[in-house]
Amino acid sequence: LQLGANADGITARAALRALPPCGPVRAAIMWVENQIHALGRVGFARADIEAVLARNVALRRQHGGSARHLFTAMTVQQAKNREFEGVVI
């Protein structure tokens, strides 16, 4: 992460976009953008961004990195009033 100790939002986003595109980096970019737009935050510490990246890497390891799943398991009650391309019982 090519970022000084403190940076503004534009610099933080540029530094994150310079990293290889992967799930934790995309999540960190979204976090920075949310902090800017929703909270009005203007400054970011390198340690904060590194902590967000580390947290997202840990979440990917715990819960899997793939957003796409081959199938979704649900009960009959959860499946009511839904349409599916294929069903396995």
N, C-alpha and C. Protein backbone atom coordinates (compact mmCIF):
# COMPACT_ATOMS: atom_id res chain seq x y z
N LEU A 1 0.86 -1.18 0.00
CA LEU A 1 0.00 0.00 0.00
C LEU A 1 0.90 1.23 0.00
N GLN A 2 0.90 1.94 -1.11
CA GLN A 2 1.71 3.15 -1.25
C GLN A 2 0.92 4.34 -0.73
N LEU A 3 1.02 4.56 0.59
CA LEU A 3 0.23 5.61 1.23
C LEU A 3 1.01 6.14 2.42
N GLY A 4 0.96 7.44 2.60
CA GLY A 4 1.62 8.04 3.75
C GLY A 4 0.87 7.73 5.03
N ALA A 5 1.35 8.27 6.15
CA ALA A 5 0.71 8.02 7.44
C ALA A 5 -0.71 8.55 7.46
N ASN A 6 -0.95 9.68 6.84
CA ASN A 6 -2.29 10.28 6.75
C ASN A 6 -2.52 10.71 5.31
N ALA A 7 -3.75 10.54 4.85
CA ALA A 7 -4.07 10.91 3.46
C ALA A 7 -5.51 11.35 3.37
N ASP A 8 -5.81 12.11 2.32
CA ASP A 8 -7.20 12.49 2.08
C ASP A 8 -7.89 11.35 1.32
N GLY A 9 -9.19 11.49 1.10
CA GLY A 9 -9.97 10.43 0.47
C GLY A 9 -9.53 10.10 -0.94
N ILE A 10 -9.21 11.11 -1.73
CA ILE A 10 -8.80 10.88 -3.12
C ILE A 10 -7.50 10.09 -3.16
N THR A 11 -6.55 10.47 -2.32
CA THR A 11 -5.26 9.77 -2.28
C THR A 11 -5.44 8.33 -1.79
N ALA A 12 -6.30 8.15 -0.79
CA ALA A 12 -6.53 6.80 -0.25
C ALA A 12 -7.16 5.90 -1.31
N ARG A 13 -8.15 6.42 -2.03
CA ARG A 13 -8.77 5.62 -3.10
C ARG A 13 -7.78 5.30 -4.21
N ALA A 14 -6.95 6.26 -4.58
CA ALA A 14 -5.95 6.02 -5.63
C ALA A 14 -4.95 4.95 -5.19
N ALA A 15 -4.53 5.00 -3.93
CA ALA A 15 -3.59 3.99 -3.43
C ALA A 15 -4.22 2.61 -3.42
N LEU A 16 -5.49 2.52 -3.06
CA LEU A 16 -6.17 1.23 -3.05
C LEU A 16 -6.39 0.71 -4.47
N ARG A 17 -6.69 1.60 -5.40
CA ARG A 17 -6.91 1.17 -6.79
C ARG A 17 -5.61 0.72 -7.45
N ALA A 18 -4.47 1.13 -6.91
CA ALA A 18 -3.18 0.70 -7.45
C ALA A 18 -2.86 -0.74 -7.05
N LEU A 19 -3.56 -1.27 -6.04
CA LEU A 19 -3.35 -2.65 -5.61
C LEU A 19 -4.02 -3.61 -6.59
N PRO A 20 -3.59 -4.87 -6.60
CA PRO A 20 -4.25 -5.85 -7.47
C PRO A 20 -5.73 -5.97 -7.13
N PRO A 21 -6.59 -6.02 -8.14
CA PRO A 21 -8.03 -6.06 -7.86
C PRO A 21 -8.45 -7.41 -7.28
N CYS A 22 -8.91 -7.39 -6.06
CA CYS A 22 -9.42 -8.58 -5.41
C CYS A 22 -10.53 -8.16 -4.45
N GLY A 23 -11.20 -9.11 -3.87
CA GLY A 23 -12.34 -8.83 -3.00
C GLY A 23 -12.03 -7.92 -1.83
N PRO A 24 -10.98 -8.20 -1.05
CA PRO A 24 -10.68 -7.32 0.08
C PRO A 24 -10.34 -5.89 -0.33
N VAL A 25 -9.68 -5.73 -1.46
CA VAL A 25 -9.34 -4.38 -1.94
C VAL A 25 -10.61 -3.65 -2.37
N ARG A 26 -11.49 -4.35 -3.10
CA ARG A 26 -12.75 -3.72 -3.51
C ARG A 26 -13.58 -3.33 -2.29
N ALA A 27 -13.60 -4.19 -1.27
CA ALA A 27 -14.34 -3.89 -0.05
C ALA A 27 -13.73 -2.68 0.67
N ALA A 28 -12.42 -2.56 0.67
CA ALA A 28 -11.77 -1.42 1.30
C ALA A 28 -12.07 -0.13 0.54
N ILE A 29 -12.10 -0.20 -0.79
CA ILE A 29 -12.45 0.98 -1.59
C ILE A 29 -13.88 1.40 -1.27
N MET A 30 -14.78 0.43 -1.18
CA MET A 30 -16.17 0.75 -0.85
C MET A 30 -16.27 1.35 0.55
N TRP A 31 -15.46 0.86 1.49
CA TRP A 31 -15.46 1.40 2.84
C TRP A 31 -15.01 2.86 2.84
N VAL A 32 -13.93 3.15 2.11
CA VAL A 32 -13.44 4.53 2.02
C VAL A 32 -14.51 5.42 1.40
N GLU A 33 -15.13 4.97 0.31
CA GLU A 33 -16.17 5.78 -0.34
C GLU A 33 -17.36 5.99 0.58
N ASN A 34 -17.72 4.97 1.35
CA ASN A 34 -18.82 5.11 2.30
C ASN A 34 -18.46 6.10 3.40
N GLN A 35 -17.24 6.04 3.88
CA GLN A 35 -16.80 6.98 4.91
C GLN A 35 -16.86 8.41 4.41
N ILE A 36 -16.50 8.61 3.15
CA ILE A 36 -16.51 9.95 2.56
C ILE A 36 -17.94 10.45 2.38
N HIS A 37 -18.77 9.64 1.73
CA HIS A 37 -20.11 10.09 1.35
C HIS A 37 -21.10 10.07 2.50
N ALA A 38 -21.07 9.04 3.33
CA ALA A 38 -22.06 8.91 4.39
C ALA A 38 -21.68 9.67 5.66
N LEU A 39 -20.40 9.68 5.97
CA LEU A 39 -19.97 10.30 7.23
C LEU A 39 -19.25 11.63 7.04
N GLY A 40 -18.93 11.97 5.81
CA GLY A 40 -18.23 13.23 5.57
C GLY A 40 -16.78 13.22 6.01
N ARG A 41 -16.20 12.06 6.10
CA ARG A 41 -14.81 11.95 6.54
C ARG A 41 -13.88 12.43 5.44
N VAL A 42 -12.86 13.20 5.81
CA VAL A 42 -11.94 13.74 4.81
C VAL A 42 -10.52 13.18 4.94
N GLY A 43 -10.14 12.68 6.10
CA GLY A 43 -8.78 12.17 6.30
C GLY A 43 -8.79 10.72 6.72
N PHE A 44 -7.79 9.99 6.24
CA PHE A 44 -7.68 8.57 6.55
C PHE A 44 -6.25 8.27 6.99
N ALA A 45 -6.12 7.55 8.08
CA ALA A 45 -4.80 7.10 8.53
C ALA A 45 -4.48 5.78 7.82
N ARG A 46 -3.22 5.61 7.51
CA ARG A 46 -2.78 4.37 6.85
C ARG A 46 -3.14 3.16 7.71
N ALA A 47 -3.00 3.30 9.02
CA ALA A 47 -3.31 2.20 9.93
C ALA A 47 -4.78 1.80 9.84
N ASP A 48 -5.68 2.78 9.68
CA ASP A 48 -7.11 2.48 9.55
C ASP A 48 -7.38 1.68 8.29
N ILE A 49 -6.79 2.09 7.19
CA ILE A 49 -7.01 1.39 5.92
C ILE A 49 -6.40 -0.01 5.96
N GLU A 50 -5.23 -0.14 6.56
CA GLU A 50 -4.62 -1.46 6.70
C GLU A 50 -5.47 -2.37 7.58
N ALA A 51 -6.09 -1.80 8.62
CA ALA A 51 -6.97 -2.59 9.49
C ALA A 51 -8.20 -3.06 8.73
N VAL A 52 -8.76 -2.20 7.88
CA VAL A 52 -9.92 -2.59 7.06
C VAL A 52 -9.52 -3.70 6.09
N LEU A 53 -8.37 -3.57 5.46
CA LEU A 53 -7.90 -4.62 4.54
C LEU A 53 -7.70 -5.94 5.29
N ALA A 54 -7.07 -5.89 6.46
CA ALA A 54 -6.84 -7.11 7.24
C ALA A 54 -8.16 -7.74 7.66
N ARG A 55 -9.11 -6.93 8.05
CA ARG A 55 -10.43 -7.44 8.45
C ARG A 55 -11.12 -8.12 7.27
N ASN A 56 -11.05 -7.51 6.10
CA ASN A 56 -11.69 -8.10 4.93
C ASN A 56 -11.01 -9.39 4.49
N VAL A 57 -9.69 -9.46 4.61
CA VAL A 57 -8.98 -10.71 4.30
C VAL A 57 -9.41 -11.80 5.28
N ALA A 58 -9.51 -11.45 6.57
CA ALA A 58 -9.94 -12.43 7.56
C ALA A 58 -11.37 -12.91 7.30
N LEU A 59 -12.25 -12.00 6.92
CA LEU A 59 -13.63 -12.39 6.61
C LEU A 59 -13.68 -13.31 5.41
N ARG A 60 -12.86 -13.05 4.39
CA ARG A 60 -12.83 -13.91 3.21
C ARG A 60 -12.33 -15.30 3.58
N ARG A 61 -11.36 -15.37 4.48
CA ARG A 61 -10.85 -16.68 4.89
C ARG A 61 -11.88 -17.45 5.68
N GLN A 62 -12.63 -16.75 6.54
CA GLN A 62 -13.62 -17.42 7.38
C GLN A 62 -14.84 -17.86 6.59
N HIS A 63 -15.31 -17.02 5.69
CA HIS A 63 -16.59 -17.26 5.03
C HIS A 63 -16.47 -17.58 3.55
N GLY A 64 -15.28 -17.72 3.05
CA GLY A 64 -15.10 -18.03 1.64
C GLY A 64 -15.08 -16.77 0.80
N GLY A 65 -14.29 -16.77 -0.24
CA GLY A 65 -14.13 -15.58 -1.05
C GLY A 65 -15.07 -15.47 -2.22
N SER A 66 -15.80 -16.51 -2.51
CA SER A 66 -16.63 -16.49 -3.70
C SER A 66 -18.00 -15.92 -3.40
N ALA A 67 -18.40 -14.94 -4.19
CA ALA A 67 -19.75 -14.39 -4.05
C ALA A 67 -20.75 -15.28 -4.76
N ARG A 68 -20.29 -16.05 -5.72
CA ARG A 68 -21.18 -16.94 -6.46
C ARG A 68 -21.16 -18.33 -5.82
N HIS A 69 -22.33 -18.87 -5.65
CA HIS A 69 -22.45 -20.22 -5.10
C HIS A 69 -23.14 -21.08 -6.15
N LEU A 70 -22.81 -22.35 -6.16
CA LEU A 70 -23.42 -23.25 -7.13
C LEU A 70 -24.90 -23.46 -6.84
N PHE A 71 -25.27 -23.49 -5.57
CA PHE A 71 -26.67 -23.65 -5.21
C PHE A 71 -26.91 -23.00 -3.86
N THR A 72 -28.16 -22.72 -3.59
CA THR A 72 -28.56 -22.16 -2.32
C THR A 72 -29.49 -23.15 -1.65
N ALA A 73 -29.17 -23.55 -0.44
CA ALA A 73 -30.02 -24.47 0.30
C ALA A 73 -31.02 -23.68 1.11
N MET A 74 -32.28 -24.13 1.09
CA MET A 74 -33.31 -23.46 1.89
C MET A 74 -34.41 -24.46 2.20
N THR A 75 -35.20 -24.12 3.19
CA THR A 75 -36.32 -24.97 3.57
C THR A 75 -37.48 -24.75 2.62
N VAL A 76 -38.48 -25.61 2.72
CA VAL A 76 -39.67 -25.46 1.88
C VAL A 76 -40.35 -24.13 2.16
N GLN A 77 -40.40 -23.74 3.42
CA GLN A 77 -41.04 -22.48 3.78
C GLN A 77 -40.30 -21.29 3.17
N GLN A 78 -38.98 -21.33 3.14
CA GLN A 78 -38.21 -20.24 2.55
C GLN A 78 -38.38 -20.19 1.04
N ALA A 79 -38.65 -21.34 0.42
CA ALA A 79 -38.75 -21.40 -1.04
C ALA A 79 -40.13 -21.03 -1.57
N LYS A 80 -41.10 -20.85 -0.69
CA LYS A 80 -42.46 -20.53 -1.14
C LYS A 80 -42.48 -19.22 -1.90
N ASN A 81 -43.28 -19.18 -2.95
CA ASN A 81 -43.49 -17.99 -3.78
C ASN A 81 -42.22 -17.52 -4.49
N ARG A 82 -41.32 -18.42 -4.77
CA ARG A 82 -40.11 -18.08 -5.52
C ARG A 82 -40.03 -18.95 -6.76
N GLU A 83 -39.32 -18.47 -7.76
CA GLU A 83 -39.11 -19.24 -8.98
C GLU A 83 -37.64 -19.62 -9.07
N PHE A 84 -37.39 -20.84 -9.55
CA PHE A 84 -36.04 -21.36 -9.64
C PHE A 84 -35.82 -21.97 -11.01
N GLU A 85 -34.59 -21.90 -11.50
CA GLU A 85 -34.25 -22.56 -12.76
C GLU A 85 -34.17 -24.06 -12.59
N GLY A 86 -33.68 -24.50 -11.47
CA GLY A 86 -33.56 -25.93 -11.20
C GLY A 86 -33.72 -26.18 -9.72
N VAL A 87 -34.31 -27.31 -9.37
CA VAL A 87 -34.53 -27.64 -7.97
C VAL A 87 -34.02 -29.05 -7.72
N VAL A 88 -33.30 -29.23 -6.63
CA VAL A 88 -32.83 -30.55 -6.21
C VAL A 88 -33.45 -30.83 -4.85
N ILE A 89 -34.12 -31.99 -4.76
CA ILE A 89 -34.79 -32.34 -3.49
C ILE A 89 -34.09 -33.54 -2.90
